[in-house]
N, C-alpha and C. Protein backbone atom coordinates (compact mmCIF):
# COMPACT_ATOMS: atom_id res chain seq x y z
N MET A 1 -6.40 -54.34 36.66
CA MET A 1 -5.06 -53.79 36.84
C MET A 1 -4.93 -52.43 36.16
N ARG A 2 -5.46 -52.34 34.94
CA ARG A 2 -5.37 -51.08 34.20
C ARG A 2 -6.14 -49.98 34.92
N PHE A 3 -7.30 -50.34 35.44
CA PHE A 3 -8.10 -49.36 36.18
C PHE A 3 -7.35 -48.85 37.39
N LEU A 4 -6.65 -49.72 38.06
CA LEU A 4 -5.89 -49.33 39.25
C LEU A 4 -4.77 -48.34 38.90
N VAL A 5 -4.10 -48.58 37.79
CA VAL A 5 -3.03 -47.68 37.36
C VAL A 5 -3.62 -46.32 36.97
N LEU A 6 -4.73 -46.33 36.23
CA LEU A 6 -5.36 -45.07 35.83
C LEU A 6 -5.86 -44.30 37.04
N LYS A 7 -6.39 -45.00 38.02
CA LYS A 7 -6.86 -44.34 39.24
C LYS A 7 -5.68 -43.75 40.02
N ALA A 8 -4.55 -44.45 40.05
CA ALA A 8 -3.36 -43.93 40.74
C ALA A 8 -2.84 -42.68 40.05
N VAL A 9 -2.79 -42.70 38.72
CA VAL A 9 -2.33 -41.53 37.96
C VAL A 9 -3.28 -40.36 38.18
N ASP A 10 -4.58 -40.64 38.17
CA ASP A 10 -5.57 -39.59 38.41
C ASP A 10 -5.41 -39.00 39.80
N THR A 11 -5.14 -39.82 40.78
CA THR A 11 -4.94 -39.34 42.15
C THR A 11 -3.70 -38.47 42.26
N VAL A 12 -2.62 -38.88 41.61
CA VAL A 12 -1.38 -38.08 41.63
C VAL A 12 -1.62 -36.73 40.95
N LEU A 13 -2.34 -36.73 39.84
CA LEU A 13 -2.63 -35.47 39.15
C LEU A 13 -3.54 -34.58 39.98
N ALA A 14 -4.48 -35.16 40.70
CA ALA A 14 -5.35 -34.37 41.57
C ALA A 14 -4.55 -33.74 42.71
N ILE A 15 -3.64 -34.50 43.28
CA ILE A 15 -2.78 -33.96 44.35
C ILE A 15 -1.90 -32.84 43.80
N LEU A 16 -1.40 -33.01 42.58
CA LEU A 16 -0.59 -31.97 41.96
C LEU A 16 -1.41 -30.70 41.72
N GLN A 17 -2.65 -30.86 41.30
CA GLN A 17 -3.52 -29.69 41.12
C GLN A 17 -3.72 -28.96 42.44
N TRP A 18 -3.97 -29.69 43.50
CA TRP A 18 -4.14 -29.05 44.80
C TRP A 18 -2.85 -28.38 45.27
N ALA A 19 -1.72 -28.99 44.98
CA ALA A 19 -0.44 -28.39 45.36
C ALA A 19 -0.21 -27.09 44.62
N ILE A 20 -0.54 -27.06 43.33
CA ILE A 20 -0.39 -25.83 42.55
C ILE A 20 -1.33 -24.76 43.08
N PHE A 21 -2.56 -25.13 43.37
CA PHE A 21 -3.53 -24.18 43.92
C PHE A 21 -3.05 -23.62 45.26
N LEU A 22 -2.54 -24.50 46.11
CA LEU A 22 -2.04 -24.05 47.40
C LEU A 22 -0.82 -23.14 47.25
N ARG A 23 0.02 -23.45 46.26
CA ARG A 23 1.19 -22.59 46.02
C ARG A 23 0.76 -21.20 45.58
N VAL A 24 -0.26 -21.12 44.74
CA VAL A 24 -0.76 -19.81 44.29
C VAL A 24 -1.30 -19.02 45.47
N ILE A 25 -2.08 -19.67 46.32
CA ILE A 25 -2.64 -18.98 47.49
C ILE A 25 -1.53 -18.52 48.43
N LEU A 26 -0.56 -19.39 48.68
CA LEU A 26 0.53 -19.04 49.60
C LEU A 26 1.45 -17.96 49.03
N SER A 27 1.47 -17.80 47.73
CA SER A 27 2.31 -16.75 47.15
C SER A 27 1.81 -15.35 47.50
N TRP A 28 0.56 -15.25 47.90
CA TRP A 28 0.01 -13.95 48.30
C TRP A 28 0.44 -13.55 49.71
N PHE A 29 0.93 -14.53 50.48
CA PHE A 29 1.33 -14.28 51.86
C PHE A 29 2.81 -14.61 52.02
N PRO A 30 3.66 -13.63 51.90
CA PRO A 30 5.09 -13.92 52.00
C PRO A 30 5.46 -14.41 53.40
N LEU A 31 6.24 -15.47 53.42
CA LEU A 31 6.68 -16.05 54.70
C LEU A 31 8.11 -15.65 54.99
N ASP A 32 8.35 -15.44 56.25
CA ASP A 32 9.70 -15.19 56.72
C ASP A 32 10.48 -16.49 56.70
N ARG A 33 11.75 -16.41 56.43
CA ARG A 33 12.60 -17.60 56.38
C ARG A 33 12.63 -18.32 57.72
N TYR A 34 12.36 -17.63 58.77
CA TYR A 34 12.41 -18.22 60.11
C TYR A 34 11.03 -18.63 60.62
N SER A 35 10.05 -18.60 59.74
CA SER A 35 8.72 -19.04 60.13
C SER A 35 8.69 -20.55 60.30
N LYS A 36 7.82 -21.03 61.17
CA LYS A 36 7.75 -22.47 61.40
C LYS A 36 7.12 -23.21 60.22
N TYR A 37 6.46 -22.49 59.31
CA TYR A 37 5.85 -23.11 58.14
C TYR A 37 6.72 -23.03 56.90
N TYR A 38 7.86 -22.39 57.01
CA TYR A 38 8.72 -22.17 55.84
C TYR A 38 9.15 -23.48 55.20
N ARG A 39 9.45 -24.48 55.99
CA ARG A 39 9.90 -25.78 55.47
C ARG A 39 8.81 -26.45 54.63
N TYR A 40 7.56 -26.32 55.06
CA TYR A 40 6.45 -26.92 54.31
C TYR A 40 6.23 -26.21 52.98
N VAL A 41 6.37 -24.90 52.99
CA VAL A 41 6.23 -24.14 51.75
C VAL A 41 7.38 -24.48 50.81
N GLU A 42 8.55 -24.67 51.34
CA GLU A 42 9.71 -25.06 50.53
C GLU A 42 9.48 -26.42 49.87
N ILE A 43 8.91 -27.36 50.60
CA ILE A 43 8.58 -28.68 50.04
C ILE A 43 7.52 -28.55 48.95
N LEU A 44 6.54 -27.69 49.18
CA LEU A 44 5.50 -27.46 48.18
C LEU A 44 6.10 -26.89 46.90
N TYR A 45 7.04 -25.98 47.02
CA TYR A 45 7.71 -25.42 45.85
C TYR A 45 8.53 -26.48 45.13
N GLN A 46 9.16 -27.37 45.86
CA GLN A 46 9.95 -28.44 45.24
C GLN A 46 9.06 -29.42 44.48
N ILE A 47 7.84 -29.62 44.94
CA ILE A 47 6.91 -30.51 44.26
C ILE A 47 6.37 -29.88 42.99
N THR A 48 6.04 -28.60 43.04
CA THR A 48 5.36 -27.96 41.91
C THR A 48 6.31 -27.33 40.89
N GLU A 49 7.51 -27.02 41.27
CA GLU A 49 8.43 -26.34 40.36
C GLU A 49 8.78 -27.15 39.11
N PRO A 50 8.95 -28.48 39.17
CA PRO A 50 9.22 -29.21 37.92
C PRO A 50 8.09 -29.13 36.90
N VAL A 51 6.89 -28.86 37.34
CA VAL A 51 5.76 -28.70 36.42
C VAL A 51 5.68 -27.27 35.91
N LEU A 52 5.88 -26.31 36.79
CA LEU A 52 5.68 -24.91 36.43
C LEU A 52 6.86 -24.29 35.69
N SER A 53 8.05 -24.75 35.98
CA SER A 53 9.24 -24.15 35.38
C SER A 53 9.29 -24.27 33.85
N PRO A 54 9.01 -25.44 33.25
CA PRO A 54 9.02 -25.49 31.78
C PRO A 54 7.96 -24.61 31.13
N ILE A 55 6.81 -24.50 31.77
CA ILE A 55 5.76 -23.64 31.24
C ILE A 55 6.19 -22.19 31.33
N ARG A 56 6.77 -21.80 32.45
CA ARG A 56 7.26 -20.44 32.63
C ARG A 56 8.36 -20.11 31.62
N ASN A 57 9.27 -21.05 31.39
CA ASN A 57 10.34 -20.83 30.40
C ASN A 57 9.77 -20.68 29.00
N PHE A 58 8.77 -21.49 28.66
CA PHE A 58 8.13 -21.38 27.35
C PHE A 58 7.47 -20.02 27.19
N LEU A 59 6.74 -19.58 28.21
CA LEU A 59 6.09 -18.27 28.13
C LEU A 59 7.11 -17.15 28.00
N ASN A 60 8.18 -17.22 28.75
CA ASN A 60 9.21 -16.18 28.68
C ASN A 60 9.90 -16.17 27.33
N ARG A 61 10.13 -17.34 26.75
CA ARG A 61 10.86 -17.43 25.50
C ARG A 61 10.04 -17.00 24.29
N TYR A 62 8.78 -17.42 24.23
CA TYR A 62 8.01 -17.21 23.02
C TYR A 62 6.95 -16.12 23.10
N LEU A 63 6.42 -15.87 24.25
CA LEU A 63 5.36 -14.87 24.33
C LEU A 63 5.83 -13.52 24.85
N TYR A 64 6.86 -13.53 25.65
CA TYR A 64 7.33 -12.29 26.26
C TYR A 64 8.79 -12.05 25.88
N LYS A 65 9.05 -12.04 24.59
CA LYS A 65 10.43 -11.88 24.12
C LYS A 65 11.02 -10.53 24.51
N TYR A 66 10.23 -9.49 24.36
CA TYR A 66 10.78 -8.14 24.52
C TYR A 66 10.32 -7.46 25.80
N GLY A 67 9.40 -8.06 26.50
CA GLY A 67 8.93 -7.46 27.74
C GLY A 67 9.05 -8.43 28.88
N HIS A 68 8.68 -7.95 30.03
CA HIS A 68 8.75 -8.79 31.22
C HIS A 68 7.36 -9.31 31.54
N MET A 69 7.33 -10.46 32.13
CA MET A 69 6.07 -11.05 32.53
C MET A 69 5.82 -10.67 33.99
N TYR A 70 4.86 -9.78 34.20
CA TYR A 70 4.60 -9.31 35.55
C TYR A 70 3.67 -10.25 36.30
N LEU A 71 2.80 -10.93 35.57
CA LEU A 71 1.93 -11.92 36.17
C LEU A 71 2.36 -13.29 35.69
N ASP A 72 2.42 -14.22 36.59
CA ASP A 72 2.84 -15.57 36.25
C ASP A 72 1.61 -16.41 35.91
N PHE A 73 1.44 -16.70 34.62
CA PHE A 73 0.30 -17.49 34.17
C PHE A 73 0.60 -18.97 34.12
N SER A 74 1.80 -19.38 34.50
CA SER A 74 2.16 -20.79 34.42
C SER A 74 1.29 -21.68 35.33
N PRO A 75 0.89 -21.26 36.54
CA PRO A 75 -0.01 -22.12 37.31
C PRO A 75 -1.37 -22.32 36.63
N LEU A 76 -1.87 -21.28 36.00
CA LEU A 76 -3.15 -21.40 35.31
C LEU A 76 -3.05 -22.38 34.14
N ILE A 77 -2.00 -22.27 33.36
CA ILE A 77 -1.81 -23.17 32.22
C ILE A 77 -1.58 -24.60 32.70
N ALA A 78 -0.80 -24.77 33.75
CA ALA A 78 -0.57 -26.11 34.30
C ALA A 78 -1.86 -26.70 34.84
N PHE A 79 -2.64 -25.88 35.51
CA PHE A 79 -3.91 -26.36 36.05
C PHE A 79 -4.84 -26.82 34.95
N LEU A 80 -4.91 -26.04 33.87
CA LEU A 80 -5.76 -26.41 32.74
C LEU A 80 -5.24 -27.67 32.04
N ALA A 81 -3.94 -27.77 31.87
CA ALA A 81 -3.36 -28.94 31.21
C ALA A 81 -3.59 -30.21 32.03
N ILE A 82 -3.43 -30.10 33.34
CA ILE A 82 -3.68 -31.26 34.20
C ILE A 82 -5.16 -31.63 34.17
N ASN A 83 -6.02 -30.64 34.13
CA ASN A 83 -7.45 -30.90 34.06
C ASN A 83 -7.82 -31.62 32.77
N ILE A 84 -7.24 -31.21 31.65
CA ILE A 84 -7.48 -31.86 30.37
C ILE A 84 -6.95 -33.29 30.41
N LEU A 85 -5.77 -33.46 30.95
CA LEU A 85 -5.18 -34.79 31.05
C LEU A 85 -6.02 -35.72 31.92
N ARG A 86 -6.54 -35.20 33.03
CA ARG A 86 -7.40 -36.00 33.89
C ARG A 86 -8.71 -36.37 33.20
N SER A 87 -9.24 -35.48 32.38
CA SER A 87 -10.49 -35.81 31.69
C SER A 87 -10.24 -36.84 30.58
N LEU A 88 -9.04 -36.85 30.01
CA LEU A 88 -8.74 -37.86 29.00
C LEU A 88 -8.54 -39.25 29.61
N LEU A 89 -8.14 -39.28 30.86
CA LEU A 89 -7.97 -40.57 31.53
C LEU A 89 -9.33 -41.16 31.81
């Protein structure tokens, strides 16, 4: 039973990693609001934003107090954190 739960958590984390990776790739290609793929990208953002938003807020609050963050490193940090968490499982 424990193995099954750990495998399910690992699978969810793997899917989240792929979603973050896909979001990073899609951010390079801006979509029009009237594109037929816009709804899928919107769902992808809804899935990944709860993970990336706290990391982005932390970076803005503590590391970039006086300047602006031109590159968003939150996907990289989230990807690394999920990878560490998966290796601990």
